[in-house]
Amino acid sequence: MRGWLALALACCLLPAWAQTPPPAQKESKKPAPVKPQKAQKAQKAHAKATPEQIRKFNELQKKQDAKR
């Protein structure tokens, strides 16, 4: 009987305990580290395709079109 009572009590208190907000974080006294100048520049997603890559891509498309 005590086991059921403990289980029922845990089921009632668990949702209330899970909804309590986390404790507030303390503000750090140290300033944020300064990033190097290169890291601040936006990096390119990818480089421009070379003529050889374009040629291979075109050949592949021709092969795929021939299969259709």
C-alpha atoms as a PDB file:
ATOM      1  CA  MET A   1       0.000   0.000   0.000  1.00  0.00           C
ATOM      2  CA  ARG A   2       2.833   2.401   0.819  1.00  0.00           C
ATOM      3  CA  GLY A   3       4.411   1.710  -2.586  1.00  0.00           C
ATOM      4  CA  TRP A   4       1.269   2.834  -4.396  1.00  0.00           C
ATOM      5  CA  LEU A   5       1.050   5.923  -2.243  1.00  0.00           C
ATOM      6  CA  ALA A   6       4.662   6.833  -3.001  1.00  0.00           C
ATOM      7  CA  LEU A   7       4.097   6.222  -6.720  1.00  0.00           C
ATOM      8  CA  ALA A   8       0.955   8.379  -6.743  1.00  0.00           C
ATOM      9  CA  LEU A   9       2.750  11.164  -4.870  1.00  0.00           C
ATOM     10  CA  ALA A  10       5.678  11.022  -7.313  1.00  0.00           C
ATOM     11  CA  CYS A  11       3.310  11.197 -10.296  1.00  0.00           C
ATOM     12  CA  CYS A  12       1.646  14.283  -8.864  1.00  0.00           C
ATOM     13  CA  LEU A  13       4.819  16.127  -7.950  1.00  0.00           C
ATOM     14  CA  LEU A  14       6.934  15.256 -11.005  1.00  0.00           C
ATOM     15  CA  PRO A  15       5.106  17.516 -13.507  1.00  0.00           C
ATOM     16  CA  ALA A  16       5.160  20.437 -11.071  1.00  0.00           C
ATOM     17  CA  TRP A  17       8.883  19.937 -10.434  1.00  0.00           C
ATOM     18  CA  ALA A  18       9.621  19.726 -14.173  1.00  0.00           C
ATOM     19  CA  GLN A  19       7.923  23.077 -14.832  1.00  0.00           C
ATOM     20  CA  THR A  20      10.019  25.098 -12.411  1.00  0.00           C
ATOM     21  CA  PRO A  21      12.357  27.450 -14.298  1.00  0.00           C
ATOM     22  CA  PRO A  22      16.102  26.841 -14.150  1.00  0.00           C
ATOM     23  CA  PRO A  23      18.110  29.113 -11.862  1.00  0.00           C
ATOM     24  CA  ALA A  24      19.285  32.365 -13.408  1.00  0.00           C
ATOM     25  CA  GLN A  25      22.841  32.381 -14.697  1.00  0.00           C
ATOM     26  CA  LYS A  26      25.321  34.692 -13.055  1.00  0.00           C
ATOM     27  CA  GLU A  27      26.831  37.360 -15.240  1.00  0.00           C
ATOM     28  CA  SER A  28      30.493  36.770 -15.905  1.00  0.00           C
ATOM     29  CA  LYS A  29      32.898  39.554 -15.065  1.00  0.00           C
ATOM     30  CA  LYS A  30      35.227  38.680 -17.955  1.00  0.00           C
ATOM     31  CA  PRO A  31      34.582  40.381 -21.308  1.00  0.00           C
ATOM     32  CA  ALA A  32      33.902  38.183 -24.311  1.00  0.00           C
ATOM     33  CA  PRO A  33      37.062  37.052 -26.098  1.00  0.00           C
ATOM     34  CA  VAL A  34      37.938  39.037 -29.215  1.00  0.00           C
ATOM     35  CA  LYS A  35      37.983  36.952 -32.366  1.00  0.00           C
ATOM     36  CA  PRO A  36      40.782  37.351 -34.914  1.00  0.00           C
ATOM     37  CA  GLN A  37      40.035  39.575 -37.909  1.00  0.00           C
ATOM     38  CA  LYS A  38      39.948  36.636 -40.373  1.00  0.00           C
ATOM     39  CA  ALA A  39      37.254  34.820 -38.392  1.00  0.00           C
ATOM     40  CA  GLN A  40      34.906  37.802 -38.585  1.00  0.00           C
ATOM     41  CA  LYS A  41      34.811  37.830 -42.392  1.00  0.00           C
ATOM     42  CA  ALA A  42      31.981  35.891 -43.976  1.00  0.00           C
ATOM     43  CA  GLN A  43      33.309  32.757 -45.620  1.00  0.00           C
ATOM     44  CA  LYS A  44      32.209  31.724 -49.084  1.00  0.00           C
ATOM     45  CA  ALA A  45      29.894  28.747 -49.330  1.00  0.00           C
ATOM     46  CA  HIS A  46      31.917  27.234 -52.179  1.00  0.00           C
ATOM     47  CA  ALA A  47      34.430  28.229 -54.837  1.00  0.00           C
ATOM     48  CA  LYS A  48      33.618  28.946 -58.465  1.00  0.00           C
ATOM     49  CA  ALA A  49      33.472  25.845 -60.663  1.00  0.00           C
ATOM     50  CA  THR A  50      36.518  25.196 -62.818  1.00  0.00           C
ATOM     51  CA  PRO A  51      36.146  24.687 -66.571  1.00  0.00           C
ATOM     52  CA  GLU A  52      36.994  21.004 -66.091  1.00  0.00           C
ATOM     53  CA  GLN A  53      34.200  20.594 -63.521  1.00  0.00           C
ATOM     54  CA  ILE A  54      31.734  22.319 -65.862  1.00  0.00           C
ATOM     55  CA  ARG A  55      32.789  20.022 -68.718  1.00  0.00           C
ATOM     56  CA  LYS A  56      32.308  16.895 -66.583  1.00  0.00           C
ATOM     57  CA  PHE A  57      28.921  18.133 -65.388  1.00  0.00           C
ATOM     58  CA  ASN A  58      27.767  18.763 -68.951  1.00  0.00           C
ATOM     59  CA  GLU A  59      28.910  15.267 -70.004  1.00  0.00           C
ATOM     60  CA  LEU A  60      27.015  13.725 -67.115  1.00  0.00           C
ATOM     61  CA  GLN A  61      23.852  15.610 -68.035  1.00  0.00           C
ATOM     62  CA  LYS A  62      24.136  14.436 -71.640  1.00  0.00           C
ATOM     63  CA  LYS A  63      24.404  10.819 -70.429  1.00  0.00           C
ATOM     64  CA  GLN A  64      21.368  11.230 -68.180  1.00  0.00           C
ATOM     65  CA  ASP A  65      19.318  12.853 -70.975  1.00  0.00           C
ATOM     66  CA  ALA A  66      20.219   9.972 -73.317  1.00  0.00           C
ATOM     67  CA  LYS A  67      18.851   7.437 -70.801  1.00  0.00           C
ATOM     68  CA  ARG A  68      15.463   9.165 -70.693  1.00  0.00           C
END
